[in-house]
């Protein structure tokens, strides 16, 4: 949601003391300044104190806004959004919800107002659309804002430069949550941080660094992500409302590097903060550490609660939708019903096809995920799935080639947890000894289904039915002893010791006996 300081003008001729005005005196100073120098100068007093009080005492800023004369809101309708947002914060509203005030929803044409006010209006429109899951509209408004700023004359920003970092953060959020990896997300966050440092606004610099840390971690650029997470922690003061991003970034980096204690520590810190728009991302990171059945069930319950708190437009689209589907996949659930749109989606479908033994289909989807503009995390996963699927199809040269590609990306960032995307059996064949670099894989892993033989897979499908073992043997035209031996082997591969546990893995992964007309595709 837009930071309300996006709506506040800054006046270069009005400077506070180095210490600034105390929070409990701010409203009085604003009222006095309005009487003496006019509403624009009074609003400038608020702007000068924004970075100091937006996170520590928003009520003081709201009182100061209320001390402005009425004409200030007529002259600058963006102030209405500022007041509306502060009311939202003071009342305890979450950082993932924002509704632009109706008075500010009509963005003036570029020629009908000054540049910064135009940018502020576009930013509010973008943020409102983003928090409703209307990503195309959010990206359109943010892109137009960046275009207008790029085309502007240098003097048009002038003394209002301090407003820009808050705007850049919101543009970055709009681009990032759309799920389009081709958009310049990192550029917006880097610009937000650069200008915030230049204008001595440490809190917005901290926030921008945290967002960038998460964005880089999610893409698989772990070293850079950790650098930005450290930068966020060392800038400004801790802010419970927005600090979840850099803690979550660090948690993901540690999980990727199989440093589970460090990851759990960062997740504990995340739990102390409102996660806001990062609710789906947080579930995905927690899925890396959900090893036991009990941990998986608790995470499923938590994710179900979050899905109940957000409309489908927010939870099914953009990056939130991708994080949710990735969480289900890591928990062994099937996401086969979703039509792939992004490289991330193609990778998730490739993983599902690999688990179901549809290796040719897995390779086809992985090829679309591995396109050059895909993030390193997605490309590494796609090459791994291609390697393991090729191995299952006895295409040894292709398997070796694709594993080398995956290995080069994984080793560059020490992203070892990616190896868990394929079965232990396939990993051992592709890279003997590689499993020793990994933390113990959670038991009852759906990933291991990918290494089952055709007969073992046929038996696993039958185990999901109500047929007795003798009936299954008859259905598969094998002897009871062969069935018993095959079932024992697949139990060992799946890390279970009962038919019920094996059937549960199969059903969660979308593996079951199909109706007779489609039986040929059920493997």
Protein backbone atom coordinates (compact mmCIF):
# COMPACT_ATOMS: atom_id res chain seq x y z
CA UNK A 1 0.00 0.00 0.00
CA UNK A 2 1.30 3.52 -0.60
CA UNK A 3 3.17 5.21 2.18
CA UNK A 4 1.15 8.31 3.06
CA UNK A 5 4.22 10.49 2.65
CA UNK A 6 3.72 9.86 -1.05
CA UNK A 7 0.91 12.38 -0.70
CA UNK A 8 2.84 15.09 1.11
CA UNK A 9 4.63 17.98 -0.57
CA UNK A 10 8.10 18.90 0.59
CA UNK A 11 9.20 22.53 0.67
CA UNK A 12 12.91 23.10 0.39
CA UNK A 13 12.63 26.53 2.08
CA UNK A 14 11.25 25.07 5.32
CA UNK A 15 13.71 23.12 7.47
CA UNK A 16 13.22 21.78 10.94
CA UNK A 17 15.91 21.52 13.56
CA UNK A 18 18.27 18.57 13.45
CA UNK A 19 16.24 16.95 16.23
CA UNK A 20 12.93 17.92 14.61
CA UNK A 21 9.66 18.76 16.29
CA UNK A 22 8.61 16.42 19.13
CA UNK A 23 5.68 14.20 18.20
CA UNK A 24 3.37 15.69 20.81
CA UNK A 25 4.05 19.21 19.48
CA UNK A 26 3.81 18.46 15.77
CA UNK A 27 0.12 19.28 15.34
CA UNK A 28 0.53 22.62 17.10
CA UNK A 29 3.55 23.55 14.97
CA UNK A 30 1.64 22.62 11.80
CA UNK A 31 -1.32 24.77 12.81
CA UNK A 32 0.96 27.72 13.65
CA UNK A 33 2.85 27.37 10.37
CA UNK A 34 -0.40 27.29 8.41
CA UNK A 35 -1.50 30.58 9.99
CA UNK A 36 1.88 32.20 9.44
CA UNK A 37 3.06 30.84 6.09
CA UNK A 38 0.15 29.01 4.45
CA UNK A 39 -1.02 25.43 4.01
CA UNK A 40 1.79 24.36 1.67
CA UNK A 41 4.44 25.32 4.22
CA UNK A 42 2.46 23.56 6.95
CA UNK A 43 2.27 20.38 4.88
CA UNK A 44 6.02 20.66 4.37
CA UNK A 45 6.52 20.45 8.14
CA UNK A 46 4.71 17.11 8.10
CA UNK A 47 6.80 15.92 5.16
CA UNK A 48 10.02 16.76 7.00
CA UNK A 49 8.96 14.55 9.91
CA UNK A 50 7.46 11.75 7.89
CA UNK A 51 10.35 9.33 7.94
CA UNK A 52 10.78 9.89 11.67
CA UNK A 53 7.19 9.30 12.78
CA UNK A 54 5.47 7.23 10.07
CA UNK A 55 6.51 4.00 11.78
CA UNK A 56 7.00 5.13 15.38
CA UNK A 57 4.09 7.53 15.96
CA UNK A 58 1.59 7.56 13.07
CA UNK A 59 -1.05 9.03 15.38
CA UNK A 60 1.06 12.19 15.72
CA UNK A 61 1.19 12.53 11.93
CA UNK A 62 -2.55 12.01 11.68
CA UNK A 63 -3.14 14.73 14.27
CA UNK A 64 -0.82 17.02 12.31
CA UNK A 65 -2.75 16.36 9.09
CA UNK A 66 -5.97 17.20 10.88
CA UNK A 67 -4.40 20.50 11.92
CA UNK A 68 -4.09 21.56 8.28
CA UNK A 69 -6.69 24.02 6.99
CA UNK A 70 -9.41 22.60 4.76
CA UNK A 71 -8.12 24.28 1.63
CA UNK A 72 -4.95 22.19 1.85
CA UNK A 73 -6.99 19.10 1.01
CA UNK A 74 -8.83 20.91 -1.77
CA UNK A 75 -5.58 22.12 -3.32
CA UNK A 76 -3.88 18.73 -2.94
CA UNK A 77 -6.35 15.85 -2.96
CA UNK A 78 -3.46 13.43 -2.40
CA UNK A 79 -3.44 14.59 1.22
CA UNK A 80 -6.81 12.85 1.54
CA UNK A 81 -5.09 9.55 0.76
CA UNK A 82 -2.44 10.34 3.37
CA UNK A 83 -5.04 10.95 6.07
CA UNK A 84 -7.03 7.90 5.01
CA UNK A 85 -3.96 5.70 5.16
CA UNK A 86 -2.89 6.98 8.57
CA UNK A 87 -6.36 6.23 9.90
CA UNK A 88 -5.91 2.68 8.56
CA UNK A 89 -2.55 2.32 10.31
CA UNK A 90 -3.64 3.87 13.62
CA UNK A 91 -6.72 1.62 13.74
CA UNK A 92 -4.47 -1.45 13.42
CA UNK A 93 -5.12 -2.21 9.75
CA UNK A 94 -2.73 -4.72 8.20
CA UNK A 95 -0.03 -3.67 5.75
CA UNK A 96 -1.58 -5.88 3.06
CA UNK A 97 -4.80 -3.90 2.77
CA UNK A 98 -5.27 -0.41 1.36
CA UNK A 99 -8.16 1.39 -0.30
CA UNK A 100 -7.54 4.70 -2.00
CA UNK A 101 -9.97 7.37 -0.81
CA UNK A 102 -12.71 8.00 -3.40
CA UNK A 103 -11.68 11.64 -3.60
CA UNK A 104 -8.25 10.60 -4.83
CA UNK A 105 -9.20 7.84 -7.23
CA UNK A 106 -9.41 10.11 -10.26
CA UNK A 107 -5.86 10.75 -11.35
CA UNK A 108 -5.51 14.14 -13.05
CA UNK A 109 -4.05 14.27 -16.52
CA UNK A 110 -0.38 15.14 -16.62
CA UNK A 111 -1.14 18.66 -17.84
CA UNK A 112 -3.70 19.45 -15.15
CA UNK A 113 -1.36 19.20 -12.16
CA UNK A 114 2.28 19.23 -11.21
CA UNK A 115 4.45 16.18 -11.77
CA UNK A 116 4.76 14.89 -8.21
CA UNK A 117 1.03 15.17 -7.55
CA UNK A 118 0.41 13.26 -10.77
CA UNK A 119 2.85 10.55 -9.67
CA UNK A 120 1.23 10.38 -6.25
CA UNK A 121 -2.20 9.86 -7.78
CA UNK A 122 -0.92 7.10 -10.05
CA UNK A 123 0.84 5.44 -7.13
CA UNK A 124 -2.32 5.39 -5.05
CA UNK A 125 -4.24 3.91 -7.96
CA UNK A 126 -1.55 1.27 -8.45
CA UNK A 127 -1.45 0.32 -4.77
CA UNK A 128 -5.22 0.01 -4.51
CA UNK A 129 -5.34 -2.20 -7.60
CA UNK A 130 -2.44 -4.31 -6.32
CA UNK A 131 -4.02 -5.09 -2.97
CA UNK A 132 -7.19 -6.17 -4.81
CA UNK A 133 -5.26 -8.56 -7.05
CA UNK A 134 -5.80 -6.39 -10.14
CA UNK A 135 -2.21 -6.74 -11.26
CA UNK A 136 -2.54 -5.53 -14.84
CA UNK A 137 -4.04 -2.24 -13.65
CA UNK A 138 -1.44 -1.93 -10.90
CA UNK A 139 1.43 -2.45 -13.34
CA UNK A 140 -0.09 -0.07 -15.87
CA UNK A 141 -0.33 2.77 -13.33
CA UNK A 142 3.16 2.14 -11.95
CA UNK A 143 4.64 1.95 -15.45
CA UNK A 144 2.94 5.19 -16.47
CA UNK A 145 4.29 6.87 -13.33
CA UNK A 146 7.85 5.78 -14.14
CA UNK A 147 7.42 6.88 -17.77
CA UNK A 148 6.18 10.32 -16.70
CA UNK A 149 9.08 10.77 -14.30
CA UNK A 150 11.62 9.67 -16.89
CA UNK A 151 10.19 12.11 -19.44
CA UNK A 152 10.05 15.03 -17.00
CA UNK A 153 12.43 17.95 -16.94
CA UNK A 154 14.93 17.84 -14.03
CA UNK A 155 13.48 20.98 -12.48
CA UNK A 156 9.99 19.51 -12.22
CA UNK A 157 10.94 17.44 -9.18
CA UNK A 158 13.21 19.97 -7.51
CA UNK A 159 12.61 20.36 -3.80
CA UNK A 160 10.12 17.45 -3.74
CA UNK A 161 12.78 14.81 -4.35
CA UNK A 162 12.13 13.44 -0.85
CA UNK A 163 8.73 12.17 -2.01
CA UNK A 164 10.16 9.86 -4.65
CA UNK A 165 11.58 6.92 -2.60
CA UNK A 166 8.13 6.19 -1.16
CA UNK A 167 6.72 6.14 -4.69
CA UNK A 168 9.47 3.90 -6.04
CA UNK A 169 8.83 1.31 -3.32
CA UNK A 170 5.18 1.13 -4.36
CA UNK A 171 6.04 0.84 -8.03
CA UNK A 172 8.38 -2.01 -7.21
CA UNK A 173 5.69 -3.80 -5.20
CA UNK A 174 3.23 -3.50 -8.10
CA UNK A 175 5.72 -4.95 -10.58
CA UNK A 176 6.89 -7.70 -8.24
CA UNK A 177 3.49 -9.01 -7.18
CA UNK A 178 2.32 -9.20 -10.79
CA UNK A 179 4.57 -12.26 -11.19
CA UNK A 180 6.04 -11.00 -14.47
CA UNK A 181 9.79 -11.68 -14.22
CA UNK A 182 10.57 -9.41 -17.17
CA UNK A 183 9.59 -6.23 -15.29
CA UNK A 184 12.32 -4.05 -13.70
CA UNK A 185 11.47 -4.78 -10.07
CA UNK A 186 15.02 -4.58 -8.72
CA UNK A 187 15.54 -1.22 -10.44
CA UNK A 188 12.63 0.37 -8.56
CA UNK A 189 13.81 -0.92 -5.19
CA UNK A 190 17.42 0.11 -5.87
CA UNK A 191 16.28 3.59 -6.88
CA UNK A 192 14.10 3.83 -3.78
CA UNK A 193 17.07 2.94 -1.59
CA UNK A 194 19.47 5.28 -3.43
CA UNK A 195 17.22 8.34 -3.28
CA UNK A 196 16.17 7.59 0.30
CA UNK A 197 19.82 7.58 1.37
CA UNK A 198 20.44 10.75 -0.63
CA UNK A 199 17.52 12.52 1.06
CA UNK A 200 18.39 11.15 4.52
CA UNK A 201 15.31 8.99 4.97
CA UNK A 202 16.68 5.87 6.67
CA UNK A 203 13.33 4.21 7.34
CA UNK A 204 12.22 4.11 3.72
CA UNK A 205 15.78 3.06 2.76
CA UNK A 206 15.46 0.16 5.23
CA UNK A 207 12.11 -0.81 3.77
CA UNK A 208 13.37 -0.70 0.17
CA UNK A 209 16.39 -2.84 1.08
CA UNK A 210 14.14 -5.41 2.74
CA UNK A 211 11.85 -5.67 -0.28
CA UNK A 212 14.82 -6.04 -2.61
CA UNK A 213 16.35 -8.71 -0.37
CA UNK A 214 13.19 -10.79 -0.62
CA UNK A 215 12.83 -10.27 -4.36
CA UNK A 216 16.38 -11.46 -4.98
CA UNK A 217 16.04 -14.44 -2.62
CA UNK A 218 12.81 -15.57 -4.28
CA UNK A 219 14.53 -15.48 -7.68
CA UNK A 220 17.47 -17.51 -6.40
CA UNK A 221 20.10 -14.77 -6.24
CA UNK A 222 21.02 -15.70 -2.70
CA UNK A 223 24.31 -13.88 -2.14
CA UNK A 224 22.91 -10.54 -3.27
CA UNK A 225 19.75 -11.17 -1.23
CA UNK A 226 21.75 -11.73 1.95
CA UNK A 227 23.74 -8.54 1.31
CA UNK A 228 20.55 -6.49 1.02
CA UNK A 229 19.02 -8.16 4.08
CA UNK A 230 22.09 -7.12 6.11
CA UNK A 231 21.84 -3.63 4.65
CA UNK A 232 18.20 -3.40 5.72
CA UNK A 233 19.03 -4.45 9.28
CA UNK A 234 21.83 -1.91 9.52
CA UNK A 235 19.74 1.02 8.28
CA UNK A 236 17.33 3.06 10.38
CA UNK A 237 15.43 1.52 13.27
CA UNK A 238 13.57 -1.75 13.64
CA UNK A 239 9.99 -1.40 12.43
CA UNK A 240 7.58 -4.24 13.23
CA UNK A 241 5.24 -3.18 10.44
CA UNK A 242 7.71 -3.70 7.60
CA UNK A 243 10.66 -5.75 8.88
CA UNK A 244 9.18 -9.12 7.94
CA UNK A 245 10.55 -8.84 4.39
CA UNK A 246 14.25 -8.93 5.23
CA UNK A 247 13.81 -11.62 7.89
CA UNK A 248 11.87 -13.72 5.38
CA UNK A 249 14.59 -13.21 2.78
CA UNK A 250 17.25 -14.43 5.20
CA UNK A 251 15.07 -17.41 6.17
CA UNK A 252 14.75 -18.44 2.53
CA UNK A 253 18.48 -18.08 1.87
CA UNK A 254 19.30 -20.27 4.87
CA UNK A 255 16.67 -22.84 3.86
CA UNK A 256 18.10 -22.95 0.34
CA UNK A 257 21.56 -23.53 1.78
CA UNK A 258 20.25 -26.28 4.08
CA UNK A 259 21.04 -24.22 7.19
CA UNK A 260 17.80 -25.13 8.87
CA UNK A 261 18.50 -23.83 12.38
CA UNK A 262 19.36 -20.40 11.00
CA UNK A 263 16.27 -20.47 8.79
CA UNK A 264 14.04 -21.43 11.72
CA UNK A 265 15.51 -18.55 13.75
CA UNK A 266 14.65 -16.04 11.02
CA UNK A 267 11.15 -17.50 10.70
CA UNK A 268 10.68 -17.03 14.44
CA UNK A 269 11.53 -13.35 13.95
CA UNK A 270 9.08 -13.17 11.05
CA UNK A 271 6.37 -14.52 13.35
CA UNK A 272 6.88 -11.48 15.59
CA UNK A 273 5.93 -9.10 12.76
CA UNK A 274 2.82 -8.56 10.64
CA UNK A 275 3.59 -10.31 7.36
CA UNK A 276 1.12 -8.23 5.36
CA UNK A 277 1.43 -8.94 1.64
CA UNK A 278 4.08 -11.56 2.38
CA UNK A 279 1.56 -14.06 3.82
CA UNK A 280 1.83 -16.44 0.84
CA UNK A 281 5.60 -16.05 0.61
CA UNK A 282 5.92 -16.86 4.32
CA UNK A 283 3.95 -20.09 3.87
CA UNK A 284 6.23 -21.11 1.03
CA UNK A 285 9.38 -20.55 3.10
CA UNK A 286 7.90 -22.49 6.03
CA UNK A 287 7.24 -25.42 3.70
CA UNK A 288 11.01 -25.88 3.35
CA UNK A 289 11.14 -26.82 7.04
CA UNK A 290 7.92 -28.86 7.23
CA UNK A 291 9.54 -32.29 7.46
CA UNK A 292 7.15 -34.32 9.58
CA UNK A 293 3.54 -35.17 8.89
CA UNK A 294 2.48 -33.06 11.87
CA UNK A 295 4.44 -30.05 10.62
CA UNK A 296 2.88 -30.41 7.19
CA UNK A 297 -0.65 -30.58 8.60
CA UNK A 298 -0.09 -27.49 10.74
CA UNK A 299 1.21 -25.57 7.74
CA UNK A 300 -1.75 -26.70 5.66
CA UNK A 301 -4.08 -25.39 8.36
CA UNK A 302 -2.21 -22.09 8.49
CA UNK A 303 -2.32 -21.69 4.72
CA UNK A 304 -6.03 -22.53 4.65
CA UNK A 305 -6.67 -19.77 7.21
CA UNK A 306 -4.76 -17.26 5.11
CA UNK A 307 -6.63 -18.28 1.97
CA UNK A 308 -9.86 -17.67 3.85
CA UNK A 309 -8.72 -14.14 4.67
CA UNK A 310 -8.02 -13.15 1.07
CA UNK A 311 -10.27 -13.13 -1.99
CA UNK A 312 -9.38 -15.45 -4.88
CA UNK A 313 -8.20 -12.50 -6.97
CA UNK A 314 -5.45 -11.91 -4.41
CA UNK A 315 -4.60 -15.50 -3.51
CA UNK A 316 -4.76 -17.10 -6.96
CA UNK A 317 -3.05 -14.51 -9.14
CA UNK A 318 0.41 -13.08 -9.54
CA UNK A 319 3.22 -13.98 -7.17
CA UNK A 320 0.83 -14.81 -4.32
CA UNK A 321 -0.76 -17.51 -6.46
CA UNK A 322 2.66 -18.86 -7.39
CA UNK A 323 3.77 -18.96 -3.75
CA UNK A 324 0.56 -20.76 -2.75
CA UNK A 325 0.93 -23.36 -5.50
CA UNK A 326 4.62 -23.84 -4.67
CA UNK A 327 3.68 -24.42 -1.03
CA UNK A 328 1.11 -27.06 -1.93
CA UNK A 329 3.63 -28.74 -4.21
CA UNK A 330 6.29 -28.84 -1.50
CA UNK A 331 3.69 -30.36 0.83
CA UNK A 332 3.14 -33.14 -1.69
CA UNK A 333 -0.13 -31.81 -3.07
CA UNK A 334 -1.02 -31.76 -6.74
CA UNK A 335 -1.60 -28.43 -8.51
CA UNK A 336 -2.41 -30.06 -11.84
CA UNK A 337 -5.62 -28.08 -12.33
CA UNK A 338 -3.84 -24.75 -12.81
CA UNK A 339 -3.07 -23.65 -16.37
CA UNK A 340 0.59 -22.61 -16.61
CA UNK A 341 1.20 -18.98 -17.52
CA UNK A 342 4.62 -18.16 -16.12
CA UNK A 343 7.93 -20.06 -16.02
CA UNK A 344 7.24 -20.73 -12.33
CA UNK A 345 3.94 -22.40 -13.22
CA UNK A 346 5.56 -24.51 -15.91
CA UNK A 347 8.14 -25.69 -13.39
CA UNK A 348 5.45 -26.64 -10.87
CA UNK A 349 3.59 -28.60 -13.53
CA UNK A 350 6.83 -30.27 -14.61
CA UNK A 351 7.44 -31.34 -11.00
CA UNK A 352 3.93 -32.78 -10.85
CA UNK A 353 4.37 -34.66 -14.11
CA UNK A 354 7.71 -36.02 -12.90
CA UNK A 355 6.12 -37.31 -9.71
CA UNK A 356 3.38 -39.01 -11.70
CA UNK A 357 5.89 -40.67 -13.99
CA UNK A 358 4.83 -38.65 -17.03
CA UNK A 359 8.44 -37.98 -17.92
CA UNK A 360 7.99 -36.78 -21.50
CA UNK A 361 5.38 -34.24 -20.37
CA UNK A 362 7.68 -33.21 -17.51
CA UNK A 363 10.50 -32.50 -19.97
CA UNK A 364 8.18 -30.44 -22.19
CA UNK A 365 7.04 -28.23 -19.31
CA UNK A 366 10.54 -27.93 -17.91
CA UNK A 367 11.76 -26.64 -21.28
CA UNK A 368 9.32 -23.73 -21.04
CA UNK A 369 10.41 -23.03 -17.48
CA UNK A 370 14.10 -22.98 -18.42
CA UNK A 371 13.90 -20.07 -20.85
CA UNK A 372 16.83 -17.61 -20.57
CA UNK A 373 14.85 -14.84 -18.83
CA UNK A 374 13.58 -17.17 -16.10
CA UNK A 375 15.00 -16.63 -12.59
CA UNK A 376 17.96 -18.82 -11.54
CA UNK A 377 15.78 -20.73 -9.07
CA UNK A 378 13.33 -21.70 -11.80
CA UNK A 379 16.01 -22.58 -14.37
CA UNK A 380 17.89 -24.77 -11.88
CA UNK A 381 14.70 -26.64 -11.02
CA UNK A 382 13.77 -27.05 -14.67
CA UNK A 383 17.17 -28.49 -15.57
CA UNK A 384 16.99 -30.89 -12.60
CA UNK A 385 13.55 -32.18 -13.58
CA UNK A 386 14.73 -32.58 -17.18
CA UNK A 387 17.80 -34.49 -16.01
CA UNK A 388 15.86 -36.85 -13.74
CA UNK A 389 13.10 -37.39 -16.31
CA UNK A 390 15.68 -38.08 -19.03
CA UNK A 391 17.34 -40.58 -16.73
CA UNK A 392 14.02 -42.34 -16.19
CA UNK A 393 13.63 -42.52 -19.98
CA UNK A 394 17.17 -43.92 -20.27
CA UNK A 395 18.40 -40.84 -22.12
CA UNK A 396 21.72 -40.78 -20.33
CA UNK A 397 23.46 -38.08 -22.37
CA UNK A 398 20.57 -35.64 -21.98
CA UNK A 399 20.36 -36.47 -18.28
CA UNK A 400 24.05 -35.75 -17.73
CA UNK A 401 23.95 -32.54 -19.77
CA UNK A 402 20.94 -31.08 -17.97
CA UNK A 403 22.27 -32.07 -14.57
CA UNK A 404 25.49 -30.18 -15.29
CA UNK A 405 23.45 -27.09 -16.18
CA UNK A 406 21.44 -27.35 -12.97
CA UNK A 407 24.53 -28.03 -10.90
CA UNK A 408 26.32 -24.93 -12.23
CA UNK A 409 23.43 -22.65 -11.18
CA UNK A 410 22.96 -24.35 -7.82
CA UNK A 411 26.64 -24.26 -6.92
CA UNK A 412 27.00 -20.61 -7.90
CA UNK A 413 24.50 -19.60 -5.20
CA UNK A 414 24.89 -22.63 -2.90
CA UNK A 415 21.19 -23.36 -3.47
CA UNK A 416 21.49 -27.00 -2.40
CA UNK A 417 17.89 -27.50 -1.31
CA UNK A 418 16.95 -27.51 -5.01
CA UNK A 419 18.30 -31.05 -5.22
CA UNK A 420 15.28 -32.14 -3.18
CA UNK A 421 13.11 -31.59 -6.25
CA UNK A 422 14.15 -35.00 -7.58
CA UNK A 423 14.24 -38.38 -5.92
CA UNK A 424 17.20 -39.65 -3.93
CA UNK A 425 17.59 -42.54 -6.35
CA UNK A 426 17.84 -40.26 -9.37
CA UNK A 427 20.13 -37.81 -7.54
CA UNK A 428 22.45 -40.63 -6.51
CA UNK A 429 22.69 -41.83 -10.10
CA UNK A 430 23.24 -38.34 -11.52
CA UNK A 431 25.73 -37.29 -8.84
CA UNK A 432 26.93 -40.04 -6.50
CA UNK A 433 27.53 -38.66 -3.04
CA UNK A 434 25.49 -35.49 -3.59
CA UNK A 435 22.93 -36.52 -0.97
CA UNK A 436 25.60 -36.12 1.71
CA UNK A 437 25.48 -32.35 1.14
CA UNK A 438 21.80 -32.19 2.02
CA UNK A 439 19.81 -32.18 5.21
CA UNK A 440 17.75 -35.32 5.73
CA UNK A 441 14.84 -35.30 3.32
CA UNK A 442 11.49 -35.39 5.04
CA UNK A 443 9.98 -38.82 5.15
CA UNK A 444 6.91 -39.67 3.14
CA UNK A 445 8.16 -37.43 0.34
CA UNK A 446 6.08 -37.26 -2.81
CA UNK A 447 9.29 -36.52 -4.70
CA UNK A 448 10.36 -40.15 -4.33
CA UNK A 449 7.41 -41.22 -6.47
CA UNK A 450 9.41 -40.00 -9.45
CA UNK A 451 11.93 -42.84 -9.05
CA UNK A 452 9.38 -45.68 -8.97
CA UNK A 453 9.45 -48.25 -11.74
CA UNK A 454 6.38 -48.68 -13.92
CA UNK A 455 5.31 -51.77 -11.98
CA UNK A 456 5.81 -50.01 -8.63
CA UNK A 457 3.79 -47.06 -9.92
CA UNK A 458 0.99 -49.37 -11.08
CA UNK A 459 0.91 -50.96 -7.63
CA UNK A 460 0.90 -47.54 -5.93
CA UNK A 461 -2.10 -46.48 -8.00
CA UNK A 462 -3.96 -49.62 -6.97
CA UNK A 463 -3.15 -49.03 -3.31
CA UNK A 464 -5.34 -45.91 -3.44
CA UNK A 465 -8.39 -48.08 -4.14
CA UNK A 466 -10.45 -50.24 -1.78
CA UNK A 467 -9.34 -53.45 -3.49
CA UNK A 468 -7.74 -56.18 -1.43
CA UNK A 469 -4.16 -57.21 -2.16
CA UNK A 470 -5.34 -60.37 -3.91
CA UNK A 471 -7.71 -58.31 -6.06
CA UNK A 472 -4.87 -55.93 -6.93
CA UNK A 473 -2.68 -58.87 -7.98
CA UNK A 474 -5.46 -60.12 -10.24
CA UNK A 475 -6.02 -56.64 -11.70
CA UNK A 476 -2.31 -56.28 -12.53
CA UNK A 477 -1.89 -59.88 -13.75
CA UNK A 478 0.89 -60.62 -11.27
CA UNK A 479 1.28 -63.19 -8.51
CA UNK A 480 0.59 -62.33 -4.85
CA UNK A 481 4.29 -62.85 -4.06
CA UNK A 482 5.35 -60.46 -6.81
CA UNK A 483 2.84 -57.92 -5.51
CA UNK A 484 4.15 -58.29 -1.97
CA UNK A 485 7.77 -57.82 -3.07
CA UNK A 486 6.89 -54.83 -5.25
CA UNK A 487 4.90 -53.17 -2.46
CA UNK A 488 7.80 -53.65 -0.05
CA UNK A 489 10.20 -51.97 -2.48
CA UNK A 490 7.98 -48.98 -3.06
CA UNK A 491 7.37 -48.60 0.71
CA UNK A 492 11.13 -48.37 1.20
CA UNK A 493 11.49 -45.80 -1.56
CA UNK A 494 8.70 -43.66 -0.13
CA UNK A 495 9.95 -44.01 3.43
CA UNK A 496 6.70 -45.52 4.74
CA UNK A 497 5.71 -48.83 6.26
CA UNK A 498 2.01 -49.14 5.50
CA UNK A 499 -0.42 -49.16 2.61
CA UNK A 500 -2.34 -46.23 4.08
CA UNK A 501 0.75 -44.02 4.24
CA UNK A 502 1.73 -44.88 0.67
CA UNK A 503 -1.81 -44.25 -0.57
CA UNK A 504 -1.82 -40.88 1.19
CA UNK A 505 1.32 -39.80 -0.67
CA UNK A 506 -0.17 -40.94 -3.97
CA UNK A 507 -3.45 -39.13 -3.43
CA UNK A 508 -1.76 -35.90 -2.33
CA UNK A 509 0.37 -36.01 -5.48
CA UNK A 510 -2.67 -36.56 -7.70
CA UNK A 511 -1.91 -40.22 -8.41
CA UNK A 512 -4.92 -42.52 -8.57
CA UNK A 513 -6.61 -45.11 -10.74
CA UNK A 514 -8.43 -43.38 -13.59
CA UNK A 515 -11.71 -44.50 -15.18
CA UNK A 516 -11.26 -47.23 -17.80
CA UNK A 517 -11.51 -44.80 -20.73
CA UNK A 518 -8.48 -42.88 -19.52
CA UNK A 519 -6.53 -45.68 -17.95
CA UNK A 520 -3.72 -45.52 -20.44
CA UNK A 521 -2.79 -42.02 -19.21
CA UNK A 522 -3.07 -42.70 -15.51
CA UNK A 523 0.54 -43.60 -14.89
